[in-house]
Amino acid sequence: MRLLILGVSRNKREIEKRKIKIKKNRELAREVARYRVRYLMRENAIRSIASLKIENMGRE
């Protein structure tokens, strides 16, 4: 019986560890997504400003 109980407790511990790992990965993924969105927004802003400047140069 003692072996069974040990096995169960060990499994519970492993499951808890896995849950913590998944949680950390989710948080990391969220941060990466946030960074990616910021980066894309910056890229788009730079492109639109550049295209506007080019258009203005053509008019002058």
N, C-alpha and C. Protein backbone atom coordinates (compact mmCIF):
# COMPACT_ATOMS: atom_id res chain seq x y z
N MET A 1 0.84 -1.22 0.00
CA MET A 1 0.00 0.00 0.00
C MET A 1 0.86 1.26 0.00
N ARG A 2 1.95 1.16 0.76
CA ARG A 2 2.81 2.35 0.88
C ARG A 2 3.35 2.76 -0.49
N LEU A 3 3.74 1.78 -1.31
CA LEU A 3 4.26 2.08 -2.66
C LEU A 3 3.21 2.80 -3.50
N LEU A 4 1.98 2.32 -3.41
CA LEU A 4 0.89 2.95 -4.18
C LEU A 4 0.75 4.42 -3.78
N ILE A 5 0.73 4.66 -2.48
CA ILE A 5 0.57 6.04 -1.98
C ILE A 5 1.73 6.90 -2.47
N LEU A 6 2.95 6.36 -2.38
CA LEU A 6 4.12 7.11 -2.84
C LEU A 6 3.99 7.43 -4.32
N GLY A 7 3.57 6.43 -5.09
CA GLY A 7 3.41 6.63 -6.53
C GLY A 7 2.42 7.75 -6.82
N VAL A 8 1.30 7.74 -6.09
CA VAL A 8 0.27 8.75 -6.32
C VAL A 8 0.81 10.14 -5.97
N SER A 9 1.49 10.24 -4.82
CA SER A 9 1.99 11.55 -4.41
C SER A 9 3.04 12.06 -5.40
N ARG A 10 3.85 11.12 -5.91
CA ARG A 10 4.88 11.52 -6.88
C ARG A 10 4.20 12.05 -8.15
N ASN A 11 3.15 11.35 -8.57
CA ASN A 11 2.43 11.79 -9.77
C ASN A 11 1.83 13.17 -9.56
N LYS A 12 1.26 13.38 -8.38
CA LYS A 12 0.66 14.68 -8.08
C LYS A 12 1.72 15.76 -8.18
N ARG A 13 2.89 15.47 -7.62
CA ARG A 13 3.97 16.45 -7.66
C ARG A 13 4.37 16.76 -9.10
N GLU A 14 4.48 15.70 -9.91
CA GLU A 14 4.85 15.88 -11.32
C GLU A 14 3.80 16.73 -12.04
N ILE A 15 2.53 16.46 -11.75
CA ILE A 15 1.44 17.21 -12.38
C ILE A 15 1.53 18.68 -11.98
N GLU A 16 1.80 18.94 -10.70
CA GLU A 16 1.93 20.33 -10.23
C GLU A 16 3.08 21.02 -10.97
N LYS A 17 4.21 20.32 -11.07
CA LYS A 17 5.38 20.89 -11.77
C LYS A 17 5.00 21.22 -13.20
N ARG A 18 4.29 20.29 -13.85
CA ARG A 18 3.89 20.49 -15.24
C ARG A 18 2.97 21.70 -15.36
N LYS A 19 2.03 21.83 -14.40
CA LYS A 19 1.10 22.96 -14.42
C LYS A 19 1.88 24.27 -14.33
N ILE A 20 2.87 24.32 -13.42
CA ILE A 20 3.67 25.53 -13.24
C ILE A 20 4.41 25.84 -14.54
N LYS A 21 4.97 24.78 -15.17
CA LYS A 21 5.71 24.96 -16.42
C LYS A 21 4.80 25.55 -17.49
N ILE A 22 3.60 24.99 -17.62
CA ILE A 22 2.65 25.46 -18.63
C ILE A 22 2.30 26.92 -18.37
N LYS A 23 2.07 27.25 -17.09
CA LYS A 23 1.73 28.63 -16.72
C LYS A 23 2.85 29.57 -17.14
N LYS A 24 4.10 29.20 -16.83
CA LYS A 24 5.25 30.04 -17.18
C LYS A 24 5.34 30.21 -18.69
N ASN A 25 5.13 29.10 -19.43
CA ASN A 25 5.19 29.17 -20.89
C ASN A 25 4.12 30.10 -21.43
N ARG A 26 2.92 30.04 -20.84
CA ARG A 26 1.83 30.91 -21.28
C ARG A 26 2.21 32.37 -21.08
N GLU A 27 2.78 32.68 -19.89
CA GLU A 27 3.18 34.05 -19.61
C GLU A 27 4.24 34.51 -20.60
N LEU A 28 5.20 33.63 -20.88
CA LEU A 28 6.25 33.96 -21.85
C LEU A 28 5.64 34.22 -23.21
N ALA A 29 4.73 33.36 -23.64
CA ALA A 29 4.09 33.51 -24.95
C ALA A 29 3.36 34.84 -25.02
N ARG A 30 2.69 35.21 -23.92
CA ARG A 30 1.96 36.46 -23.88
C ARG A 30 2.92 37.64 -24.06
N GLU A 31 4.06 37.59 -23.35
CA GLU A 31 5.03 38.68 -23.45
C GLU A 31 5.58 38.77 -24.87
N VAL A 32 5.88 37.60 -25.46
CA VAL A 32 6.42 37.58 -26.82
C VAL A 32 5.40 38.17 -27.78
N ALA A 33 4.12 37.80 -27.61
CA ALA A 33 3.06 38.32 -28.48
C ALA A 33 2.97 39.84 -28.35
N ARG A 34 3.03 40.32 -27.10
CA ARG A 34 2.97 41.76 -26.86
C ARG A 34 4.12 42.47 -27.57
N TYR A 35 5.32 41.90 -27.43
CA TYR A 35 6.50 42.49 -28.06
C TYR A 35 6.34 42.50 -29.58
N ARG A 36 5.83 41.38 -30.10
CA ARG A 36 5.67 41.25 -31.55
C ARG A 36 4.69 42.30 -32.07
N VAL A 37 3.60 42.50 -31.34
CA VAL A 37 2.59 43.49 -31.75
C VAL A 37 3.22 44.88 -31.77
N ARG A 38 3.96 45.20 -30.70
CA ARG A 38 4.62 46.51 -30.63
C ARG A 38 5.57 46.69 -31.80
N TYR A 39 6.36 45.64 -32.08
CA TYR A 39 7.35 45.71 -33.15
C TYR A 39 6.66 45.92 -34.49
N LEU A 40 5.58 45.16 -34.73
CA LEU A 40 4.85 45.29 -36.00
C LEU A 40 4.27 46.69 -36.15
N MET A 41 3.71 47.21 -35.04
CA MET A 41 3.12 48.55 -35.09
C MET A 41 4.20 49.58 -35.44
N ARG A 42 5.38 49.42 -34.83
CA ARG A 42 6.48 50.35 -35.10
C ARG A 42 6.88 50.26 -36.57
N GLU A 43 7.00 49.02 -37.08
CA GLU A 43 7.38 48.81 -38.47
C GLU A 43 6.38 49.48 -39.41
N ASN A 44 5.10 49.27 -39.13
CA ASN A 44 4.05 49.87 -39.97
C ASN A 44 4.12 51.38 -39.93
N ALA A 45 4.35 51.94 -38.73
CA ALA A 45 4.44 53.40 -38.58
C ALA A 45 5.60 53.93 -39.41
N ILE A 46 6.74 53.26 -39.32
CA ILE A 46 7.93 53.71 -40.07
C ILE A 46 7.65 53.67 -41.56
N ARG A 47 7.03 52.58 -42.01
CA ARG A 47 6.73 52.43 -43.44
C ARG A 47 5.78 53.52 -43.92
N SER A 48 4.72 53.76 -43.14
CA SER A 48 3.72 54.75 -43.57
C SER A 48 4.35 56.15 -43.61
N ILE A 49 5.19 56.46 -42.63
CA ILE A 49 5.85 57.77 -42.62
C ILE A 49 6.77 57.89 -43.83
N ALA A 50 7.51 56.83 -44.11
CA ALA A 50 8.44 56.84 -45.25
C ALA A 50 7.67 57.03 -46.55
N SER A 51 6.55 56.33 -46.70
CA SER A 51 5.79 56.45 -47.94
C SER A 51 5.20 57.85 -48.07
N LEU A 52 4.77 58.42 -46.95
CA LEU A 52 4.25 59.80 -46.98
C LEU A 52 5.33 60.77 -47.43
N LYS A 53 6.55 60.60 -46.88
CA LYS A 53 7.67 61.48 -47.25
C LYS A 53 7.96 61.36 -48.74
N ILE A 54 7.93 60.12 -49.25
CA ILE A 54 8.22 59.90 -50.67
C ILE A 54 7.15 60.61 -51.51
N GLU A 55 5.87 60.48 -51.11
CA GLU A 55 4.78 61.13 -51.83
C GLU A 55 4.98 62.64 -51.83
N ASN A 56 5.33 63.21 -50.69
CA ASN A 56 5.54 64.67 -50.58
C ASN A 56 6.70 65.11 -51.45
N MET A 57 7.76 64.29 -51.52
CA MET A 57 8.92 64.64 -52.36
C MET A 57 8.48 64.70 -53.82
N GLY A 58 7.64 63.77 -54.21
CA GLY A 58 7.17 63.73 -55.60
C GLY A 58 6.37 64.98 -55.94
N ARG A 59 5.65 65.52 -55.00
CA ARG A 59 4.81 66.70 -55.26
C ARG A 59 5.63 67.97 -55.40
N GLU A 60 6.74 68.02 -54.63
CA GLU A 60 7.52 69.28 -54.62
C GLU A 60 8.25 69.56 -55.92
